[in-house]
Amino acid sequence: MSSLSTRAALSSTWATHWLLWLAFFPLTTMLVVYREIPLGPPTVVWSLGSAVVQHLAVGVIVIGGGLLLRRNRYVLPLWIITTLWMLTALVRAAVGFAISDSFYASTSSFVIDSVVWIALSVFWVPVTVFAIAQFEQRRMLITARDIAADDLERERAAASESTQQLQARLLATVTAQLSPVLRDLEESLNTARRRLGGGAAAEIGMRISRLHDETADLVSGVDDDEGVTDSPEPATRATFRRAFAITAAPPARSATFVGLAALVAVVPDTARVLGIDAALSAGLAIIVAGTLLAIVPSTLSRLTIPGMTYLKAMIIGQSFAIAAATGVLLALGSATLASTSGWGLIVITAVAIIAAHTTYTAAFIVADANRIDDAALSRLVAEASELAARRAERSRAAREQMAQLMHGPIQGRLAACVMALNFHADIAGSDPARADAMLSSVMDHLHAVAVDLQRLGEQADIATDSP
């Protein structure tokens, strides 16, 4: 499994997935309600309804368009996905303009709304798609790594088996399968000895011939993995908790993108709702928050605090950033924040910072973790393949030795039995005395084969039990 490229992630089905559409609903609803405050809707319910209608229109374009376009191809070109999301920005602005023009005291600006929605799409859609795709890739990667680790343990366990032990195990398998057949043949000969005609002798000869061939097949085809314990297969996907159990703090570079995404989400609408001064205050608050989001996690990383994971570092960093941003807004915008819309600025700033930080840091850190785990997976697979190749070579050598061991005492005597029984079938009627002597020779050969098998089985038991 190779690491997921940026192009592959952005072209994946997540770019037009209904979960992505649903994930944007809370933030876009807050933005619509916030920006429509100065337009004078009859009640806030109208703004909520406007947000719902806009989002449904987006769903028709993104989800419906994605389903139609993916009928003949699984992966869409980036330009098609970009066109879809740019179109949603224009549709949002058009729906908002139509609703405000028909029912509100003031009309929204289609041009300004289009520019703001396009900017929001640029800074929020690709990174969200990338983060979700990387997270799903991580769950599959962890599962693949677990399977590879299990395979490696099995190969290591098999590698600890010596060539002598492997040969002994193969011998034990062969003798265990041949002995019952051989006993049955001896019993058949003993039972039919007094009345063994040419046809019966030929039939038993065919059975011994098949036993001879089966012996050769067993030597070359017995399962090498018989002594290796199977490991239970892990789940198809790793859990959410395991996927985010990353022992690294979010990278400082993500704070820059977090700040830009939050600025685009908050400042343009704040300038229209509360004025330039409030917009500048919001911009400064976001810059301070972004700075803390770069400093706090990296500081936690340098302190090497035991048990510090990505989730913990993210929560701690966000707590400091939100507290600082709220402090800046309260200190610089006290007159503006006396209104409901002013307090709404605090809420939407906090939500934008949290959402942007969660999304961008997840995208960066999960992608980095995937690259590390992909390299680890490659090493596990390479080591397991090397051990498997060595085991295959040892198995080949053990089979050759066993074939030489079985050829003389076992297969040679079985071949002699076949020849003797065929000869017995030819002379049974014309020379009974000689036929009886020939049959005794066959019995002796079969008995010798049984003794040899027992001896080989005992040797196999001794070799298998030895350390």
Protein backbone atom coordinates (compact mmCIF):
# COMPACT_ATOMS: atom_id res chain seq x y z
CA MET A 1 0.00 0.00 0.00
CA SER A 2 1.48 3.33 -1.09
CA SER A 3 0.95 6.66 0.63
CA LEU A 4 -1.93 8.79 -0.63
CA SER A 5 -0.89 11.65 -2.90
CA THR A 6 -2.51 15.08 -2.71
CA ARG A 7 -4.03 14.71 -6.18
CA ALA A 8 -5.43 11.26 -5.37
CA ALA A 9 -6.93 12.52 -2.12
CA LEU A 10 -8.56 15.57 -3.69
CA SER A 11 -9.89 13.49 -6.61
CA SER A 12 -11.35 10.80 -4.35
CA THR A 13 -15.04 10.21 -3.75
CA TRP A 14 -14.78 12.27 -0.58
CA ALA A 15 -14.73 15.44 -2.71
CA THR A 16 -18.41 14.87 -3.57
CA HIS A 17 -19.45 12.76 -0.59
CA TRP A 18 -22.58 13.49 1.40
CA LEU A 19 -20.59 13.38 4.66
CA LEU A 20 -18.43 16.26 3.43
CA TRP A 21 -21.55 18.21 2.51
CA LEU A 22 -23.04 17.50 5.94
CA ALA A 23 -19.80 18.44 7.73
CA PHE A 24 -19.95 21.98 6.32
CA PHE A 25 -23.55 22.56 7.41
CA PRO A 26 -22.93 23.84 10.98
CA LEU A 27 -20.22 26.36 10.05
CA THR A 28 -21.95 27.64 6.91
CA THR A 29 -25.22 28.02 8.81
CA MET A 30 -23.51 30.16 11.43
CA LEU A 31 -21.91 32.29 8.70
CA VAL A 32 -25.22 32.81 6.90
CA VAL A 33 -27.05 33.80 10.10
CA TYR A 34 -24.17 36.11 11.08
CA ARG A 35 -23.87 37.88 7.71
CA GLU A 36 -27.65 38.36 7.35
CA ILE A 37 -27.99 40.25 10.65
CA PRO A 38 -27.71 43.71 9.00
CA LEU A 39 -30.05 42.71 6.16
CA GLY A 40 -33.06 42.81 8.48
CA PRO A 41 -34.68 39.38 8.20
CA PRO A 42 -38.14 39.17 9.85
CA THR A 43 -36.72 36.76 12.45
CA VAL A 44 -33.60 34.65 12.88
CA VAL A 45 -35.67 31.70 11.67
CA TRP A 46 -35.62 33.24 8.21
CA SER A 47 -31.83 33.28 8.26
CA LEU A 48 -31.79 29.67 9.39
CA GLY A 49 -34.17 28.80 6.58
CA SER A 50 -31.96 30.67 4.13
CA ALA A 51 -28.94 28.68 5.33
CA VAL A 52 -30.83 25.40 4.90
CA VAL A 53 -32.04 26.27 1.39
CA GLN A 54 -28.53 27.34 0.37
CA HIS A 55 -27.04 24.14 1.72
CA LEU A 56 -29.65 21.99 -0.02
CA ALA A 57 -28.78 23.71 -3.30
CA VAL A 58 -25.11 22.95 -2.65
CA GLY A 59 -26.01 19.31 -1.99
CA VAL A 60 -27.82 19.01 -5.31
CA ILE A 61 -24.72 20.27 -7.15
CA VAL A 62 -22.01 18.47 -5.18
CA ILE A 63 -23.69 15.16 -4.33
CA GLY A 64 -25.99 14.90 -7.35
CA GLY A 65 -23.34 16.14 -9.75
CA GLY A 66 -20.77 13.81 -8.23
CA LEU A 67 -23.05 10.79 -8.61
CA LEU A 68 -23.79 11.61 -12.23
CA LEU A 69 -20.17 12.27 -13.14
CA ARG A 70 -18.88 9.15 -11.36
CA ARG A 71 -21.17 6.76 -13.19
CA ASN A 72 -18.46 5.96 -15.73
CA ARG A 73 -15.30 6.76 -13.75
CA TYR A 74 -14.39 6.44 -10.10
CA VAL A 75 -11.83 9.28 -9.97
CA LEU A 76 -12.77 12.72 -11.29
CA PRO A 77 -10.23 15.20 -12.68
CA LEU A 78 -9.41 18.04 -10.32
CA TRP A 79 -10.78 20.66 -12.71
CA ILE A 80 -14.22 19.05 -12.59
CA ILE A 81 -14.25 18.97 -8.79
CA THR A 82 -13.00 22.57 -8.66
CA THR A 83 -15.74 23.62 -11.09
CA LEU A 84 -18.40 21.94 -8.95
CA TRP A 85 -17.33 23.72 -5.79
CA MET A 86 -16.91 27.10 -7.51
CA LEU A 87 -20.42 26.64 -8.87
CA THR A 88 -21.73 26.00 -5.35
CA ALA A 89 -20.26 29.34 -4.24
CA LEU A 90 -22.14 31.16 -6.98
CA VAL A 91 -25.35 29.26 -6.23
CA ARG A 92 -25.09 30.11 -2.52
CA ALA A 93 -24.69 33.78 -3.34
CA ALA A 94 -27.60 33.66 -5.81
CA VAL A 95 -29.94 31.93 -3.34
CA GLY A 96 -28.99 34.36 -0.58
CA PHE A 97 -29.55 37.30 -2.91
CA ALA A 98 -32.96 36.00 -4.01
CA ILE A 99 -34.17 35.41 -0.44
CA SER A 100 -32.93 38.77 0.86
CA ASP A 101 -34.36 40.63 -2.14
CA SER A 102 -37.76 39.03 -1.64
CA PHE A 103 -38.18 38.97 2.15
CA TYR A 104 -35.53 41.08 3.94
CA ALA A 105 -35.29 44.80 4.58
CA SER A 106 -32.02 45.01 2.64
CA THR A 107 -30.60 43.04 -0.24
CA SER A 108 -27.30 41.19 -0.09
CA SER A 109 -24.55 41.78 -2.62
CA PHE A 110 -24.32 38.91 -5.08
CA VAL A 111 -20.79 39.88 -6.14
CA ILE A 112 -19.36 40.24 -2.63
CA ASP A 113 -21.09 37.08 -1.41
CA SER A 114 -19.76 35.17 -4.43
CA VAL A 115 -16.19 36.32 -3.76
CA VAL A 116 -16.45 35.43 -0.05
CA TRP A 117 -17.94 31.99 -0.73
CA ILE A 118 -15.29 31.27 -3.37
CA ALA A 119 -12.55 32.26 -0.91
CA LEU A 120 -14.11 30.05 1.75
CA SER A 121 -14.25 27.15 -0.72
CA VAL A 122 -10.58 27.61 -1.59
CA PHE A 123 -9.39 27.60 2.03
CA TRP A 124 -11.82 25.04 3.49
CA VAL A 125 -12.95 22.46 0.92
CA PRO A 126 -9.61 21.02 -0.32
CA VAL A 127 -8.10 20.65 3.14
CA THR A 128 -11.26 19.00 4.49
CA VAL A 129 -11.34 16.52 1.61
CA PHE A 130 -7.61 15.88 2.04
CA ALA A 131 -7.97 15.36 5.81
CA ILE A 132 -10.87 12.91 5.47
CA ALA A 133 -9.13 10.96 2.71
CA GLN A 134 -5.89 10.78 4.72
CA PHE A 135 -7.78 9.65 7.81
CA GLU A 136 -9.51 6.86 5.88
CA GLN A 137 -6.16 5.93 4.33
CA ARG A 138 -4.65 5.82 7.82
CA ARG A 139 -7.26 3.38 9.07
CA MET A 140 -6.53 1.04 6.15
CA LEU A 141 -2.79 1.56 6.55
CA ILE A 142 -2.87 0.63 10.24
CA THR A 143 -4.84 -2.51 9.41
CA ALA A 144 -2.38 -3.43 6.65
CA ARG A 145 0.49 -2.84 9.06
CA ASP A 146 -1.14 -5.13 11.63
CA ILE A 147 -1.56 -7.86 9.03
CA ALA A 148 2.05 -7.43 7.87
CA ALA A 149 3.29 -7.58 11.48
CA ASP A 150 1.33 -10.80 12.05
CA ASP A 151 2.76 -12.28 8.85
CA LEU A 152 6.26 -11.31 9.94
CA GLU A 153 5.79 -12.98 13.33
CA ARG A 154 4.61 -16.15 11.59
CA GLU A 155 7.62 -16.08 9.29
CA ARG A 156 9.96 -15.50 12.24
CA ALA A 157 8.39 -18.43 14.06
CA ALA A 158 8.83 -20.59 10.97
CA ALA A 159 12.41 -19.38 10.55
CA SER A 160 13.27 -20.66 14.03
CA GLU A 161 12.59 -24.21 12.80
CA SER A 162 15.82 -25.96 11.81
CA THR A 163 16.22 -27.84 8.54
CA GLN A 164 16.32 -31.13 10.47
CA GLN A 165 13.11 -30.25 12.30
CA LEU A 166 11.43 -29.26 9.04
CA GLN A 167 12.48 -32.52 7.40
CA ALA A 168 11.29 -34.45 10.44
CA ARG A 169 7.92 -32.72 10.33
CA LEU A 170 7.55 -33.51 6.65
CA LEU A 171 8.45 -37.14 7.34
CA ALA A 172 5.93 -37.31 10.15
CA THR A 173 3.23 -35.99 7.84
CA VAL A 174 4.08 -38.49 5.11
CA THR A 175 4.24 -41.50 7.43
CA ALA A 176 0.99 -40.51 9.12
CA GLN A 177 -0.79 -40.55 5.76
CA LEU A 178 0.87 -43.65 4.30
CA SER A 179 0.74 -46.00 7.28
CA PRO A 180 -3.06 -46.56 7.28
CA VAL A 181 -3.04 -47.29 3.53
CA LEU A 182 -0.15 -49.73 3.94
CA ARG A 183 -1.88 -51.57 6.79
CA ASP A 184 -5.01 -51.90 4.69
CA LEU A 185 -2.98 -53.42 1.85
CA GLU A 186 -1.33 -55.93 4.17
CA GLU A 187 -4.70 -56.97 5.58
CA SER A 188 -6.13 -57.36 2.07
CA LEU A 189 -3.24 -59.60 1.03
CA ASN A 190 -3.45 -61.72 4.19
CA THR A 191 -7.19 -62.16 3.75
CA ALA A 192 -7.06 -63.09 0.06
CA ARG A 193 -3.79 -65.00 0.07
CA ARG A 194 -5.31 -68.51 -0.19
CA ARG A 195 -7.63 -67.57 -3.03
CA LEU A 196 -5.70 -64.79 -4.74
CA GLY A 197 -6.34 -65.09 -8.45
CA GLY A 198 -4.81 -63.22 -11.31
CA GLY A 199 -7.50 -60.52 -11.33
CA ALA A 200 -7.26 -59.88 -7.58
CA ALA A 201 -3.47 -59.78 -7.75
CA ALA A 202 -3.62 -57.23 -10.56
CA GLU A 203 -6.11 -55.11 -8.58
CA ILE A 204 -3.89 -55.08 -5.47
CA GLY A 205 -0.93 -54.32 -7.70
CA MET A 206 -2.77 -51.26 -8.98
CA ARG A 207 -3.44 -50.14 -5.41
CA ILE A 208 0.24 -50.49 -4.51
CA SER A 209 1.13 -48.62 -7.70
CA ARG A 210 -1.15 -45.77 -6.62
CA LEU A 211 0.48 -45.84 -3.18
CA HIS A 212 3.87 -45.55 -4.88
CA ASP A 213 2.71 -42.49 -6.84
CA GLU A 214 1.03 -40.93 -3.80
CA THR A 215 4.27 -41.27 -1.85
CA ALA A 216 6.07 -39.20 -4.47
CA ASP A 217 3.24 -36.65 -4.50
CA LEU A 218 3.28 -36.35 -0.71
CA VAL A 219 7.00 -35.75 -0.67
CA SER A 220 6.65 -32.90 -3.17
CA GLY A 221 3.31 -31.47 -2.07
CA VAL A 222 3.00 -31.59 1.71
CA ASP A 223 2.10 -28.21 3.22
CA ASP A 224 5.10 -26.29 4.56
CA ASP A 225 2.87 -24.03 6.68
CA GLU A 226 1.42 -26.90 8.69
CA GLY A 227 3.59 -26.11 11.70
CA VAL A 228 2.97 -22.37 11.59
CA THR A 229 0.20 -21.01 13.79
CA ASP A 230 -2.30 -18.78 12.04
CA SER A 231 -2.88 -15.38 13.58
CA PRO A 232 -6.39 -13.94 13.77
CA GLU A 233 -7.09 -11.35 11.11
CA PRO A 234 -7.58 -7.82 12.44
CA ALA A 235 -10.67 -5.78 11.72
CA THR A 236 -11.21 -4.33 8.25
CA ARG A 237 -10.55 -0.83 9.54
CA ALA A 238 -8.68 0.49 12.54
CA THR A 239 -10.78 2.33 15.11
CA PHE A 240 -11.04 6.11 15.27
CA ARG A 241 -9.11 6.08 18.53
CA ARG A 242 -6.20 4.12 17.06
CA ALA A 243 -6.10 6.28 13.96
CA PHE A 244 -5.57 9.39 16.08
CA ALA A 245 -3.16 7.82 18.58
CA ILE A 246 -0.29 9.86 17.11
CA THR A 247 2.50 10.80 19.50
CA ALA A 248 3.40 14.07 17.83
CA ALA A 249 2.30 17.66 18.26
CA PRO A 250 0.66 19.49 15.34
CA PRO A 251 3.31 21.10 13.12
CA ALA A 252 3.83 24.84 13.49
CA ARG A 253 3.39 25.37 9.74
CA SER A 254 -0.28 24.46 10.04
CA ALA A 255 -0.90 27.58 12.16
CA THR A 256 -0.36 29.81 9.11
CA PHE A 257 -3.08 28.05 7.14
CA VAL A 258 -5.34 28.00 10.20
CA GLY A 259 -5.00 31.77 10.50
CA LEU A 260 -5.73 32.36 6.82
CA ALA A 261 -8.79 30.08 6.84
CA ALA A 262 -10.17 31.73 9.98
CA LEU A 263 -9.52 35.22 8.58
CA VAL A 264 -11.44 34.40 5.40
CA ALA A 265 -14.33 32.97 7.43
CA VAL A 266 -14.64 35.85 9.91
CA VAL A 267 -13.20 39.17 8.70
CA PRO A 268 -15.17 39.88 5.45
CA ASP A 269 -18.57 39.31 7.06
CA THR A 270 -17.56 41.15 10.23
CA ALA A 271 -16.66 44.21 8.16
CA ARG A 272 -20.19 44.21 6.71
CA VAL A 273 -21.95 43.38 9.97
CA LEU A 274 -20.02 45.39 12.56
CA GLY A 275 -17.73 47.68 10.62
CA ILE A 276 -14.04 47.99 9.77
CA ASP A 277 -12.88 48.48 13.38
CA ALA A 278 -14.50 45.24 14.53
CA ALA A 279 -13.09 43.46 11.47
CA LEU A 280 -9.58 44.68 12.33
CA SER A 281 -10.07 43.54 15.94
CA ALA A 282 -11.18 40.12 14.69
CA GLY A 283 -8.16 39.94 12.38
CA LEU A 284 -5.77 40.76 15.22
CA ALA A 285 -7.47 38.22 17.50
CA ILE A 286 -7.07 35.52 14.87
CA ILE A 287 -3.40 36.40 14.31
CA VAL A 288 -2.72 36.14 18.06
CA ALA A 289 -4.58 32.83 18.19
CA GLY A 290 -2.62 31.51 15.21
CA THR A 291 0.66 32.47 16.86
CA LEU A 292 -0.27 30.58 20.00
CA LEU A 293 -1.35 27.59 17.93
CA ALA A 294 2.18 27.52 16.51
CA ILE A 295 3.97 28.02 19.83
CA VAL A 296 2.01 25.93 22.35
CA PRO A 297 2.01 22.54 20.53
CA SER A 298 5.68 22.82 19.55
CA THR A 299 6.54 23.71 23.17
CA LEU A 300 4.63 20.67 24.39
CA SER A 301 6.54 18.57 21.87
CA ARG A 302 9.93 19.82 23.11
CA LEU A 303 8.99 19.15 26.73
CA THR A 304 8.52 15.44 25.85
CA ILE A 305 5.59 15.07 28.21
CA PRO A 306 4.73 11.36 28.70
CA GLY A 307 1.48 10.38 27.03
CA MET A 308 1.25 13.57 24.99
CA THR A 309 -0.69 12.75 21.82
CA TYR A 310 -1.92 14.74 18.88
CA LEU A 311 -5.43 15.10 20.34
CA LYS A 312 -4.16 16.35 23.70
CA ALA A 313 -1.77 18.85 22.13
CA MET A 314 -4.52 20.07 19.81
CA ILE A 315 -7.01 20.60 22.64
CA ILE A 316 -4.46 22.40 24.82
CA GLY A 317 -3.34 24.63 21.95
CA GLN A 318 -6.91 25.48 21.01
CA SER A 319 -7.78 26.35 24.60
CA PHE A 320 -4.94 28.90 24.80
CA ALA A 321 -5.78 30.29 21.35
CA ILE A 322 -9.50 30.76 22.03
CA ALA A 323 -8.83 32.37 25.39
CA ALA A 324 -6.36 34.81 23.82
CA ALA A 325 -8.64 35.63 20.87
CA THR A 326 -11.58 36.29 23.19
CA GLY A 327 -9.39 38.53 25.34
CA VAL A 328 -8.31 40.58 22.32
CA LEU A 329 -11.90 40.99 21.11
CA LEU A 330 -13.09 42.05 24.54
CA ALA A 331 -10.20 44.47 25.00
CA LEU A 332 -10.37 46.15 21.58
CA GLY A 333 -14.06 45.93 20.74
CA SER A 334 -15.91 46.59 23.98
CA ALA A 335 -18.31 49.13 22.45
CA THR A 336 -19.14 46.87 19.51
CA LEU A 337 -19.42 43.76 21.65
CA ALA A 338 -22.20 45.33 23.67
CA SER A 339 -24.60 44.15 20.95
CA THR A 340 -25.86 40.68 20.17
CA SER A 341 -23.99 40.68 16.87
CA GLY A 342 -20.81 41.62 18.73
CA TRP A 343 -21.08 38.60 20.99
CA GLY A 344 -21.84 36.59 17.89
CA LEU A 345 -18.42 37.68 16.64
CA ILE A 346 -16.77 36.02 19.65
CA VAL A 347 -18.64 32.79 19.00
CA ILE A 348 -18.00 32.66 15.27
CA THR A 349 -14.32 33.55 15.75
CA ALA A 350 -13.90 30.74 18.27
CA VAL A 351 -15.74 28.24 16.06
CA ALA A 352 -13.72 29.26 12.98
CA ILE A 353 -10.41 28.88 14.85
CA ILE A 354 -11.37 25.49 16.30
CA ALA A 355 -12.69 24.15 12.99
CA ALA A 356 -9.73 25.43 10.96
CA HIS A 357 -7.16 24.20 13.47
CA THR A 358 -8.77 20.78 13.76
CA THR A 359 -9.01 20.36 10.00
CA TYR A 360 -5.60 21.68 8.99
CA THR A 361 -3.59 20.02 11.74
CA ALA A 362 -5.40 16.74 11.12
CA ALA A 363 -4.53 16.99 7.43
CA PHE A 364 -0.86 17.73 8.12
CA ILE A 365 -0.22 15.35 10.97
CA VAL A 366 -2.22 12.39 9.64
CA ALA A 367 -0.51 12.74 6.25
CA ASP A 368 2.91 12.80 7.97
CA ALA A 369 1.97 9.80 10.11
CA ASN A 370 0.79 7.96 6.99
CA ARG A 371 4.13 8.51 5.28
CA ILE A 372 5.95 7.14 8.33
CA ASP A 373 3.65 4.13 8.65
CA ASP A 374 3.82 3.44 4.93
CA ALA A 375 7.61 3.23 5.19
CA ALA A 376 7.26 0.96 8.23
CA LEU A 377 4.80 -1.24 6.33
CA SER A 378 7.26 -1.55 3.44
CA ARG A 379 9.98 -2.65 5.84
CA LEU A 380 7.71 -5.25 7.44
CA VAL A 381 6.68 -6.65 4.07
CA ALA A 382 10.28 -6.73 2.82
CA GLU A 383 11.52 -8.57 5.92
CA ALA A 384 8.63 -11.06 5.77
CA SER A 385 9.31 -11.68 2.07
CA GLU A 386 12.99 -12.29 2.75
CA LEU A 387 12.20 -14.76 5.52
CA ALA A 388 9.62 -16.48 3.30
CA ALA A 389 12.20 -16.85 0.53
CA ARG A 390 14.68 -18.39 2.98
CA ARG A 391 11.99 -20.75 4.28
CA ALA A 392 11.12 -21.79 0.72
CA GLU A 393 14.77 -22.61 0.06
CA ARG A 394 15.04 -24.63 3.28
CA SER A 395 11.84 -26.44 2.35
CA ARG A 396 13.18 -27.28 -1.10
CA ALA A 397 16.38 -28.67 0.42
CA ALA A 398 14.41 -30.68 2.99
CA ARG A 399 12.16 -32.13 0.28
CA GLU A 400 15.14 -33.17 -1.81
CA GLN A 401 16.72 -34.90 1.17
CA MET A 402 13.45 -36.59 2.05
CA ALA A 403 12.92 -37.70 -1.55
CA GLN A 404 16.34 -39.36 -1.51
CA LEU A 405 15.54 -40.94 1.84
CA MET A 406 12.17 -42.24 0.68
CA HIS A 407 13.25 -43.41 -2.76
CA GLY A 408 15.24 -46.49 -1.75
CA PRO A 409 13.55 -48.12 1.26
CA ILE A 410 9.98 -47.04 0.49
CA GLN A 411 9.37 -46.34 -3.18
CA GLY A 412 11.87 -48.97 -4.35
CA ARG A 413 10.17 -51.74 -2.39
CA LEU A 414 6.71 -50.58 -3.47
CA ALA A 415 7.84 -50.72 -7.11
CA ALA A 416 9.16 -54.25 -6.51
CA CYS A 417 5.78 -55.24 -5.04
CA VAL A 418 3.98 -53.98 -8.13
CA MET A 419 6.27 -55.94 -10.43
CA ALA A 420 5.91 -59.09 -8.32
CA LEU A 421 2.10 -58.88 -8.23
CA ASN A 422 1.93 -58.35 -11.99
CA PHE A 423 4.13 -61.42 -12.44
CA HIS A 424 1.91 -63.32 -9.95
CA ALA A 425 -1.14 -62.46 -12.03
CA ASP A 426 0.53 -63.99 -15.09
CA ILE A 427 1.62 -67.28 -13.47
CA ALA A 428 -1.10 -67.79 -10.85
CA GLY A 429 -2.84 -70.47 -12.92
CA SER A 430 0.17 -72.20 -14.49
CA ASP A 431 2.65 -72.31 -11.57
CA PRO A 432 0.85 -72.09 -8.18
CA ALA A 433 3.98 -72.87 -6.12
CA ARG A 434 6.01 -70.13 -7.73
CA ALA A 435 3.07 -67.73 -7.47
CA ASP A 436 2.79 -68.44 -3.74
CA ALA A 437 6.52 -67.77 -3.28
CA MET A 438 6.14 -64.55 -5.22
CA LEU A 439 3.25 -63.55 -2.97
CA SER A 440 5.36 -64.24 0.12
CA SER A 441 8.01 -61.94 -1.34
CA VAL A 442 5.39 -59.22 -1.78
CA MET A 443 4.30 -59.66 1.84
CA ASP A 444 7.91 -59.39 2.98
CA HIS A 445 8.41 -56.19 0.98
CA LEU A 446 5.25 -54.63 2.38
CA HIS A 447 6.28 -55.57 5.89
CA ALA A 448 9.71 -54.04 5.29
CA VAL A 449 8.05 -50.86 4.03
CA ALA A 450 5.93 -50.74 7.19
CA VAL A 451 9.03 -51.20 9.36
CA ASP A 452 10.86 -48.46 7.47
CA LEU A 453 7.92 -46.12 7.83
CA GLN A 454 7.76 -46.79 11.56
CA ARG A 455 11.49 -46.17 11.87
CA LEU A 456 11.25 -42.92 9.93
CA GLY A 457 8.30 -41.83 12.03
CA GLU A 458 10.24 -42.49 15.24
CA GLN A 459 13.19 -40.51 13.89
CA ALA A 460 10.83 -37.68 13.01
CA ASP A 461 9.39 -37.66 16.54
CA ILE A 462 12.87 -37.50 18.05
CA ALA A 463 13.97 -34.67 15.74
CA THR A 464 10.75 -32.72 16.32
CA ASP A 465 11.08 -32.97 20.09
CA SER A 466 14.73 -31.90 20.09
CA PRO A 467 15.42 -28.20 20.84
